[in-house]
Amino acid sequence: MRLESYAITTEDYKLLKYLIETVINLNHELEKKNTSIRRLRKLFNIKTEKLHTLCQQEKKDKEENNDDNKDDGHS
Protein backbone atom coordinates (compact mmCIF):
# COMPACT_ATOMS: atom_id res chain seq x y z
CA MET A 1 0.00 0.00 0.00
CA ARG A 2 2.77 2.45 0.85
CA LEU A 3 4.40 1.92 -2.52
CA GLU A 4 1.16 2.52 -4.39
CA SER A 5 0.52 5.75 -2.49
CA TYR A 6 4.16 6.91 -2.93
CA ALA A 7 4.58 6.93 0.85
CA ILE A 8 7.55 4.63 1.25
CA THR A 9 9.78 4.80 4.28
CA THR A 10 13.56 5.05 4.31
CA GLU A 11 13.70 1.33 5.08
CA ASP A 12 11.38 0.60 2.14
CA TYR A 13 13.65 2.64 -0.11
CA LYS A 14 16.76 0.78 1.08
CA LEU A 15 15.09 -2.58 0.51
CA LEU A 16 13.88 -1.62 -2.96
CA LYS A 17 17.32 -0.31 -3.88
CA TYR A 18 18.94 -3.52 -2.69
CA LEU A 19 16.45 -5.66 -4.64
CA ILE A 20 16.95 -3.66 -7.82
CA GLU A 21 20.74 -3.89 -7.49
CA THR A 22 20.42 -7.64 -6.98
CA VAL A 23 18.32 -8.04 -10.12
CA ILE A 24 20.80 -5.93 -12.10
CA ASN A 25 23.76 -7.98 -10.84
CA LEU A 26 21.97 -11.25 -11.55
CA ASN A 27 21.05 -10.08 -15.03
CA HIS A 28 24.67 -9.06 -15.65
CA GLU A 29 25.93 -12.48 -14.55
CA LEU A 30 23.40 -14.29 -16.73
CA GLU A 31 24.40 -12.24 -19.76
CA LYS A 32 28.02 -13.29 -19.43
CA LYS A 33 28.94 -16.04 -21.83
CA ASN A 34 30.53 -18.37 -19.30
CA THR A 35 28.19 -17.95 -16.35
CA SER A 36 27.69 -21.22 -14.52
CA ILE A 37 25.41 -22.45 -11.80
CA ARG A 38 28.47 -22.70 -9.55
CA ARG A 39 29.27 -19.02 -10.03
CA LEU A 40 25.68 -18.02 -9.30
CA ARG A 41 25.67 -20.14 -6.15
CA LYS A 42 28.89 -18.47 -5.08
CA LEU A 43 27.46 -15.03 -5.89
CA PHE A 44 24.51 -15.65 -3.55
CA ASN A 45 26.51 -17.77 -1.08
CA ILE A 46 24.23 -20.77 -1.59
CA LYS A 47 25.50 -24.04 -0.23
CA THR A 48 24.12 -27.37 -1.42
CA GLU A 49 23.97 -30.62 0.46
CA LYS A 50 26.38 -33.37 -0.45
CA LEU A 51 25.01 -36.72 -1.63
CA HIS A 52 26.98 -38.50 1.11
CA THR A 53 25.26 -36.35 3.77
CA LEU A 54 21.82 -37.01 2.27
CA CYS A 55 22.43 -40.77 2.19
CA GLN A 56 23.58 -40.78 5.81
CA GLN A 57 20.47 -38.87 6.86
CA GLU A 58 18.21 -41.28 4.94
CA LYS A 59 19.90 -44.26 6.63
CA LYS A 60 19.51 -42.63 10.04
CA ASP A 61 15.81 -41.92 9.37
CA LYS A 62 15.22 -45.55 8.37
CA GLU A 63 16.96 -46.81 11.51
CA GLU A 64 14.85 -44.50 13.67
CA ASN A 65 11.70 -45.75 11.93
CA ASN A 66 12.72 -49.34 12.60
CA ASP A 67 13.39 -48.55 16.26
CA ASP A 68 9.98 -46.87 16.56
CA ASN A 69 8.26 -49.91 15.04
CA LYS A 70 10.06 -52.25 17.47
CA ASP A 71 8.91 -50.14 20.41
CA ASP A 72 5.32 -50.41 19.17
CA GLY A 73 5.61 -54.19 18.84
CA HIS A 74 5.61 -54.16 15.02
CA SER A 75 8.82 -56.04 14.34
PDB file of N, CA and C in Angstrom:
ATOM      1  N   MET A   1       0.814  -1.197   0.000  1.00  0.00           N
ATOM      2  CA  MET A   1       0.000   0.000   0.000  1.00  0.00           C
ATOM      3  C   MET A   1       0.860   1.265   0.000  1.00  0.00           C
ATOM      4  N   ARG A   2       1.937   1.248   0.779  1.00  0.00           N
ATOM      5  CA  ARG A   2       2.774   2.449   0.849  1.00  0.00           C
ATOM      6  C   ARG A   2       3.390   2.755  -0.511  1.00  0.00           C
ATOM      7  N   LEU A   3       3.781   1.710  -1.218  1.00  0.00           N
ATOM      8  CA  LEU A   3       4.401   1.923  -2.521  1.00  0.00           C
ATOM      9  C   LEU A   3       3.401   2.529  -3.507  1.00  0.00           C
ATOM     10  N   GLU A   4       2.192   2.024  -3.479  1.00  0.00           N
ATOM     11  CA  GLU A   4       1.160   2.517  -4.392  1.00  0.00           C
ATOM     12  C   GLU A   4       0.762   3.955  -4.094  1.00  0.00           C
ATOM     13  N   SER A   5       0.887   4.371  -2.853  1.00  0.00           N
ATOM     14  CA  SER A   5       0.522   5.749  -2.494  1.00  0.00           C
ATOM     15  C   SER A   5       1.745   6.669  -2.445  1.00  0.00           C
ATOM     16  N   TYR A   6       2.911   6.131  -2.911  1.00  0.00           N
ATOM     17  CA  TYR A   6       4.163   6.908  -2.935  1.00  0.00           C
ATOM     18  C   TYR A   6       4.579   7.369  -1.535  1.00  0.00           C
ATOM     19  N   ALA A   7       4.242   6.565  -0.526  1.00  0.00           N
ATOM     20  CA  ALA A   7       4.577   6.926   0.849  1.00  0.00           C
ATOM     21  C   ALA A   7       5.526   5.885   1.447  1.00  0.00           C
ATOM     22  N   ILE A   8       6.623   5.636   0.748  1.00  0.00           N
ATOM     23  CA  ILE A   8       7.550   4.629   1.250  1.00  0.00           C
ATOM     24  C   ILE A   8       8.474   5.228   2.316  1.00  0.00           C
ATOM     25  N   THR A   9       8.882   4.373   3.218  1.00  0.00           N
ATOM     26  CA  THR A   9       9.776   4.803   4.285  1.00  0.00           C
ATOM     27  C   THR A   9      11.226   4.693   3.813  1.00  0.00           C
ATOM     28  N   THR A  10      12.135   5.174   4.619  1.00  0.00           N
ATOM     29  CA  THR A  10      13.561   5.053   4.310  1.00  0.00           C
ATOM     30  C   THR A  10      13.952   3.583   4.217  1.00  0.00           C
ATOM     31  N   GLU A  11      13.415   2.766   5.102  1.00  0.00           N
ATOM     32  CA  GLU A  11      13.701   1.328   5.080  1.00  0.00           C
ATOM     33  C   GLU A  11      13.143   0.685   3.813  1.00  0.00           C
ATOM     34  N   ASP A  12      11.945   1.101   3.388  1.00  0.00           N
ATOM     35  CA  ASP A  12      11.376   0.601   2.139  1.00  0.00           C
ATOM     36  C   ASP A  12      12.296   0.933   0.973  1.00  0.00           C
ATOM     37  N   TYR A  13      12.772   2.169   0.959  1.00  0.00           N
ATOM     38  CA  TYR A  13      13.653   2.639  -0.110  1.00  0.00           C
ATOM     39  C   TYR A  13      14.931   1.793  -0.145  1.00  0.00           C
ATOM     40  N   LYS A  14      15.532   1.560   1.009  1.00  0.00           N
ATOM     41  CA  LYS A  14      16.765   0.776   1.079  1.00  0.00           C
ATOM     42  C   LYS A  14      16.541  -0.648   0.560  1.00  0.00           C
ATOM     43  N   LEU A  15      15.415  -1.230   0.953  1.00  0.00           N
ATOM     44  CA  LEU A  15      15.091  -2.584   0.511  1.00  0.00           C
ATOM     45  C   LEU A  15      14.886  -2.620  -1.000  1.00  0.00           C
ATOM     46  N   LEU A  16      14.114  -1.679  -1.522  1.00  0.00           N
ATOM     47  CA  LEU A  16      13.880  -1.625  -2.965  1.00  0.00           C
ATOM     48  C   LEU A  16      15.183  -1.420  -3.737  1.00  0.00           C
ATOM     49  N   LYS A  17      16.029  -0.560  -3.233  1.00  0.00           N
ATOM     50  CA  LYS A  17      17.316  -0.306  -3.884  1.00  0.00           C
ATOM     51  C   LYS A  17      18.149  -1.581  -3.899  1.00  0.00           C
ATOM     52  N   TYR A  18      18.194  -2.278  -2.777  1.00  0.00           N
ATOM     53  CA  TYR A  18      18.943  -3.525  -2.692  1.00  0.00           C
ATOM     54  C   TYR A  18      18.387  -4.563  -3.671  1.00  0.00           C
ATOM     55  N   LEU A  19      17.071  -4.696  -3.731  1.00  0.00           N
ATOM     56  CA  LEU A  19      16.449  -5.661  -4.636  1.00  0.00           C
ATOM     57  C   LEU A  19      16.739  -5.339  -6.097  1.00  0.00           C
ATOM     58  N   ILE A  20      16.671  -4.076  -6.441  1.00  0.00           N
ATOM     59  CA  ILE A  20      16.954  -3.656  -7.822  1.00  0.00           C
ATOM     60  C   ILE A  20      18.417  -3.932  -8.168  1.00  0.00           C
ATOM     61  N   GLU A  21      19.319  -3.616  -7.252  1.00  0.00           N
ATOM     62  CA  GLU A  21      20.742  -3.889  -7.494  1.00  0.00           C
ATOM     63  C   GLU A  21      20.982  -5.391  -7.656  1.00  0.00           C
ATOM     64  N   THR A  22      20.280  -6.195  -6.872  1.00  0.00           N
ATOM     65  CA  THR A  22      20.421  -7.644  -6.978  1.00  0.00           C
ATOM     66  C   THR A  22      19.960  -8.133  -8.340  1.00  0.00           C
ATOM     67  N   VAL A  23      18.835  -7.643  -8.803  1.00  0.00           N
ATOM     68  CA  VAL A  23      18.325  -8.040 -10.120  1.00  0.00           C
ATOM     69  C   VAL A  23      19.300  -7.610 -11.217  1.00  0.00           C
ATOM     70  N   ILE A  24      19.836  -6.409 -11.108  1.00  0.00           N
ATOM     71  CA  ILE A  24      20.805  -5.929 -12.101  1.00  0.00           C
ATOM     72  C   ILE A  24      22.049  -6.811 -12.111  1.00  0.00           C
ATOM     73  N   ASN A  25      22.573  -7.124 -10.921  1.00  0.00           N
ATOM     74  CA  ASN A  25      23.758  -7.980 -10.841  1.00  0.00           C
ATOM     75  C   ASN A  25      23.482  -9.378 -11.380  1.00  0.00           C
ATOM     76  N   LEU A  26      22.336  -9.926 -11.049  1.00  0.00           N
ATOM     77  CA  LEU A  26      21.966 -11.247 -11.546  1.00  0.00           C
ATOM     78  C   LEU A  26      21.848 -11.226 -13.068  1.00  0.00           C
ATOM     79  N   ASN A  27      21.199 -10.219 -13.584  1.00  0.00           N
ATOM     80  CA  ASN A  27      21.054 -10.084 -15.028  1.00  0.00           C
ATOM     81  C   ASN A  27      22.429  -9.984 -15.702  1.00  0.00           C
ATOM     82  N   HIS A  28      23.314  -9.208 -15.116  1.00  0.00           N
ATOM     83  CA  HIS A  28      24.667  -9.059 -15.655  1.00  0.00           C
ATOM     84  C   HIS A  28      25.390 -10.403 -15.689  1.00  0.00           C
ATOM     85  N   GLU A  29      25.291 -11.166 -14.607  1.00  0.00           N
ATOM     86  CA  GLU A  29      25.935 -12.476 -14.553  1.00  0.00           C
ATOM     87  C   GLU A  29      25.351 -13.429 -15.596  1.00  0.00           C
ATOM     88  N   LEU A  30      24.047 -13.390 -15.763  1.00  0.00           N
ATOM     89  CA  LEU A  30      23.402 -14.286 -16.728  1.00  0.00           C
ATOM     90  C   LEU A  30      23.759 -13.931 -18.166  1.00  0.00           C
ATOM     91  N   GLU A  31      24.036 -12.672 -18.410  1.00  0.00           N
ATOM     92  CA  GLU A  31      24.403 -12.239 -19.762  1.00  0.00           C
ATOM     93  C   GLU A  31      25.830 -12.631 -20.133  1.00  0.00           C
ATOM     94  N   LYS A  32      26.653 -12.872 -19.147  1.00  0.00           N
ATOM     95  CA  LYS A  32      28.021 -13.294 -19.435  1.00  0.00           C
ATOM     96  C   LYS A  32      28.008 -14.656 -20.109  1.00  0.00           C
ATOM     97  N   LYS A  33      28.897 -14.812 -21.040  1.00  0.00           N
ATOM     98  CA  LYS A  33      28.943 -16.042 -21.831  1.00  0.00           C
ATOM     99  C   LYS A  33      29.204 -17.286 -20.994  1.00  0.00           C
ATOM    100  N   ASN A  34      30.101 -17.183 -20.035  1.00  0.00           N
ATOM    101  CA  ASN A  34      30.526 -18.371 -19.301  1.00  0.00           C
ATOM    102  C   ASN A  34      29.942 -18.469 -17.895  1.00  0.00           C
ATOM    103  N   THR A  35      28.802 -17.871 -17.675  1.00  0.00           N
ATOM    104  CA  THR A  35      28.191 -17.947 -16.346  1.00  0.00           C
ATOM    105  C   THR A  35      27.761 -19.386 -16.072  1.00  0.00           C
ATOM    106  N   SER A  36      28.055 -19.852 -14.893  1.00  0.00           N
ATOM    107  CA  SER A  36      27.691 -21.217 -14.523  1.00  0.00           C
ATOM    108  C   SER A  36      26.840 -21.196 -13.260  1.00  0.00           C
ATOM    109  N   ILE A  37      26.199 -22.297 -13.021  1.00  0.00           N
ATOM    110  CA  ILE A  37      25.414 -22.446 -11.797  1.00  0.00           C
ATOM    111  C   ILE A  37      26.326 -22.283 -10.584  1.00  0.00           C
ATOM    112  N   ARG A  38      27.532 -22.813 -10.676  1.00  0.00           N
ATOM    113  CA  ARG A  38      28.468 -22.705  -9.553  1.00  0.00           C
ATOM    114  C   ARG A  38      28.772 -21.244  -9.238  1.00  0.00           C
ATOM    115  N   ARG A  39      28.982 -20.429 -10.261  1.00  0.00           N
ATOM    116  CA  ARG A  39      29.272 -19.015 -10.035  1.00  0.00           C
ATOM    117  C   ARG A  39      28.066 -18.308  -9.424  1.00  0.00           C
ATOM    118  N   LEU A  40      26.872 -18.649  -9.867  1.00  0.00           N
ATOM    119  CA  LEU A  40      25.678 -18.023  -9.303  1.00  0.00           C
ATOM    120  C   LEU A  40      25.495 -18.425  -7.844  1.00  0.00           C
ATOM    121  N   ARG A  41      25.753 -19.696  -7.541  1.00  0.00           N
ATOM    122  CA  ARG A  41      25.667 -20.136  -6.147  1.00  0.00           C
ATOM    123  C   ARG A  41      26.663 -19.383  -5.288  1.00  0.00           C
ATOM    124  N   LYS A  42      27.860 -19.204  -5.820  1.00  0.00           N
ATOM    125  CA  LYS A  42      28.888 -18.473  -5.082  1.00  0.00           C
ATOM    126  C   LYS A  42      28.476 -17.011  -4.901  1.00  0.00           C
ATOM    127  N   LEU A  43      27.905 -16.425  -5.940  1.00  0.00           N
ATOM    128  CA  LEU A  43      27.458 -15.033  -5.887  1.00  0.00           C
ATOM    129  C   LEU A  43      26.466 -14.824  -4.744  1.00  0.00           C
ATOM    130  N   PHE A  44      25.541 -15.773  -4.568  1.00  0.00           N
ATOM    131  CA  PHE A  44      24.515 -15.653  -3.545  1.00  0.00           C
ATOM    132  C   PHE A  44      24.833 -16.456  -2.295  1.00  0.00           C
ATOM    133  N   ASN A  45      26.058 -17.011  -2.243  1.00  0.00           N
ATOM    134  CA  ASN A  45      26.514 -17.765  -1.083  1.00  0.00           C
ATOM    135  C   ASN A  45      25.556 -18.910  -0.737  1.00  0.00           C
ATOM    136  N   ILE A  46      25.142 -19.643  -1.768  1.00  0.00           N
ATOM    137  CA  ILE A  46      24.225 -20.766  -1.590  1.00  0.00           C
ATOM    138  C   ILE A  46      25.044 -22.043  -1.479  1.00  0.00           C
ATOM    139  N   LYS A  47      24.804 -22.782  -0.429  1.00  0.00           N
ATOM    140  CA  LYS A  47      25.498 -24.044  -0.233  1.00  0.00           C
ATOM    141  C   LYS A  47      24.508 -25.181  -0.471  1.00  0.00           C
ATOM    142  N   THR A  48      24.978 -26.220  -1.152  1.00  0.00           N
ATOM    143  CA  THR A  48      24.120 -27.371  -1.419  1.00  0.00           C
ATOM    144  C   THR A  48      24.561 -28.532  -0.552  1.00  0.00           C
ATOM    145  N   GLU A  49      23.651 -29.448  -0.345  1.00  0.00           N
ATOM    146  CA  GLU A  49      23.969 -30.621   0.461  1.00  0.00           C
ATOM    147  C   GLU A  49      24.724 -31.626  -0.394  1.00  0.00           C
ATOM    148  N   LYS A  50      25.621 -32.336   0.227  1.00  0.00           N
ATOM    149  CA  LYS A  50      26.384 -33.374  -0.450  1.00  0.00           C
ATOM    150  C   LYS A  50      25.575 -34.667  -0.457  1.00  0.00           C
ATOM    151  N   LEU A  51      25.730 -35.458  -1.515  1.00  0.00           N
ATOM    152  CA  LEU A  51      25.014 -36.723  -1.635  1.00  0.00           C
ATOM    153  C   LEU A  51      25.318 -37.640  -0.446  1.00  0.00           C
ATOM    154  N   HIS A  52      26.578 -37.667  -0.030  1.00  0.00           N
ATOM    155  CA  HIS A  52      26.976 -38.499   1.113  1.00  0.00           C
ATOM    156  C   HIS A  52      26.168 -38.121   2.359  1.00  0.00           C
ATOM    157  N   THR A  53      26.013 -36.826   2.609  1.00  0.00           N
ATOM    158  CA  THR A  53      25.260 -36.354   3.766  1.00  0.00           C
ATOM    159  C   THR A  53      23.796 -36.764   3.662  1.00  0.00           C
ATOM    160  N   LEU A  54      23.225 -36.628   2.466  1.00  0.00           N
ATOM    161  CA  LEU A  54      21.825 -37.009   2.273  1.00  0.00           C
ATOM    162  C   LEU A  54      21.620 -38.502   2.505  1.00  0.00           C
ATOM    163  N   CYS A  55      22.549 -39.319   2.006  1.00  0.00           N
ATOM    164  CA  CYS A  55      22.431 -40.773   2.190  1.00  0.00           C
ATOM    165  C   CYS A  55      22.546 -41.151   3.658  1.00  0.00           C
ATOM    166  N   GLN A  56      23.450 -40.500   4.372  1.00  0.00           N
ATOM    167  CA  GLN A  56      23.583 -40.778   5.807  1.00  0.00           C
ATOM    168  C   GLN A  56      22.309 -40.419   6.544  1.00  0.00           C
ATOM    169  N   GLN A  57      21.704 -39.286   6.196  1.00  0.00           N
ATOM    170  CA  GLN A  57      20.468 -38.868   6.856  1.00  0.00           C
ATOM    171  C   GLN A  57      19.335 -39.852   6.561  1.00  0.00           C
ATOM    172  N   GLU A  58      19.254 -40.317   5.306  1.00  0.00           N
ATOM    173  CA  GLU A  58      18.214 -41.277   4.943  1.00  0.00           C
ATOM    174  C   GLU A  58      18.383 -42.581   5.729  1.00  0.00           C
ATOM    175  N   LYS A  59      19.625 -43.048   5.864  1.00  0.00           N
ATOM    176  CA  LYS A  59      19.899 -44.261   6.626  1.00  0.00           C
ATOM    177  C   LYS A  59      19.502 -44.074   8.089  1.00  0.00           C
ATOM    178  N   LYS A  60      19.847 -42.922   8.643  1.00  0.00           N
ATOM    179  CA  LYS A  60      19.508 -42.628  10.036  1.00  0.00           C
ATOM    180  C   LYS A  60      17.987 -42.607  10.231  1.00  0.00           C
ATOM    181  N   ASP A  61      17.273 -41.978   9.292  1.00  0.00           N
ATOM    182  CA  ASP A  61      15.808 -41.921   9.374  1.00  0.00           C
ATOM    183  C   ASP A  61      15.198 -43.320   9.339  1.00  0.00           C
ATOM    184  N   LYS A  62      15.731 -44.189   8.468  1.00  0.00           N
ATOM    185  CA  LYS A  62      15.216 -45.552   8.374  1.00  0.00           C
ATOM    186  C   LYS A  62      15.446 -46.311   9.678  1.00  0.00           C
ATOM    187  N   GLU A  63      16.647 -46.140  10.249  1.00  0.00           N
ATOM    188  CA  GLU A  63      16.955 -46.811  11.509  1.00  0.00           C
ATOM    189  C   GLU A  63      16.025 -46.331  12.621  1.00  0.00           C
ATOM    190  N   GLU A  64      15.756 -45.036  12.662  1.00  0.00           N
ATOM    191  CA  GLU A  64      14.845 -44.499  13.674  1.00  0.00           C
ATOM    192  C   GLU A  64      13.440 -45.051  13.476  1.00  0.00           C
ATOM    193  N   ASN A  65      13.016 -45.174  12.223  1.00  0.00           N
ATOM    194  CA  ASN A  65      11.699 -45.753  11.929  1.00  0.00           C
ATOM    195  C   ASN A  65      11.625 -47.191  12.410  1.00  0.00           C
ATOM    196  N   ASN A  66      12.692 -47.953  12.151  1.00  0.00           N
ATOM    197  CA  ASN A  66      12.722 -49.344  12.596  1.00  0.00           C
ATOM    198  C   ASN A  66      12.672 -49.428  14.111  1.00  0.00           C
ATOM    199  N   ASP A  67      13.410 -48.567  14.789  1.00  0.00           N
ATOM    200  CA  ASP A  67      13.392 -48.548  16.256  1.00  0.00           C
ATOM    201  C   ASP A  67      12.002 -48.205  16.779  1.00  0.00           C
ATOM    202  N   ASP A  68      11.331 -47.249  16.146  1.00  0.00           N
ATOM    203  CA  ASP A  68       9.976 -46.871  16.561  1.00  0.00           C
ATOM    204  C   ASP A  68       9.012 -48.035  16.391  1.00  0.00           C
ATOM    205  N   ASN A  69       9.144 -48.773  15.290  1.00  0.00           N
ATOM    206  CA  ASN A  69       8.264 -49.906  15.041  1.00  0.00           C
ATOM    207  C   ASN A  69       8.498 -51.025  16.053  1.00  0.00           C
ATOM    208  N   LYS A  70       9.750 -51.230  16.464  1.00  0.00           N
ATOM    209  CA  LYS A  70      10.060 -52.249  17.466  1.00  0.00           C
ATOM    210  C   LYS A  70       9.439 -51.883  18.803  1.00  0.00           C
ATOM    211  N   ASP A  71       9.499 -50.607  19.143  1.00  0.00           N
ATOM    212  CA  ASP A  71       8.915 -50.142  20.405  1.00  0.00           C
ATOM    213  C   ASP A  71       7.400 -50.336  20.428  1.00  0.00           C
ATOM    214  N   ASP A  72       6.767 -50.251  19.255  1.00  0.00           N
ATOM    215  CA  ASP A  72       5.319 -50.415  19.169  1.00  0.00           C
ATOM    216  C   ASP A  72       4.915 -51.883  19.041  1.00  0.00           C
ATOM    217  N   GLY A  73       5.909 -52.775  18.956  1.00  0.00           N
ATOM    218  CA  GLY A  73       5.615 -54.193  18.836  1.00  0.00           C
ATOM    219  C   GLY A  73       5.351 -54.609  17.414  1.00  0.00           C
ATOM    220  N   HIS A  74       5.815 -53.858  16.430  1.00  0.00           N
ATOM    221  CA  HIS A  74       5.605 -54.163  15.015  1.00  0.00           C
ATOM    222  C   HIS A  74       6.860 -54.711  14.363  1.00  0.00           C
ATOM    223  N   SER A  75       7.589 -55.590  14.984  1.00  0.00           N
ATOM    224  CA  SER A  75       8.821 -56.045  14.336  1.00  0.00           C
ATOM    225  C   SER A  75       8.621 -57.263  13.490  1.00  0.00           C
TER     226      SER A  75
END
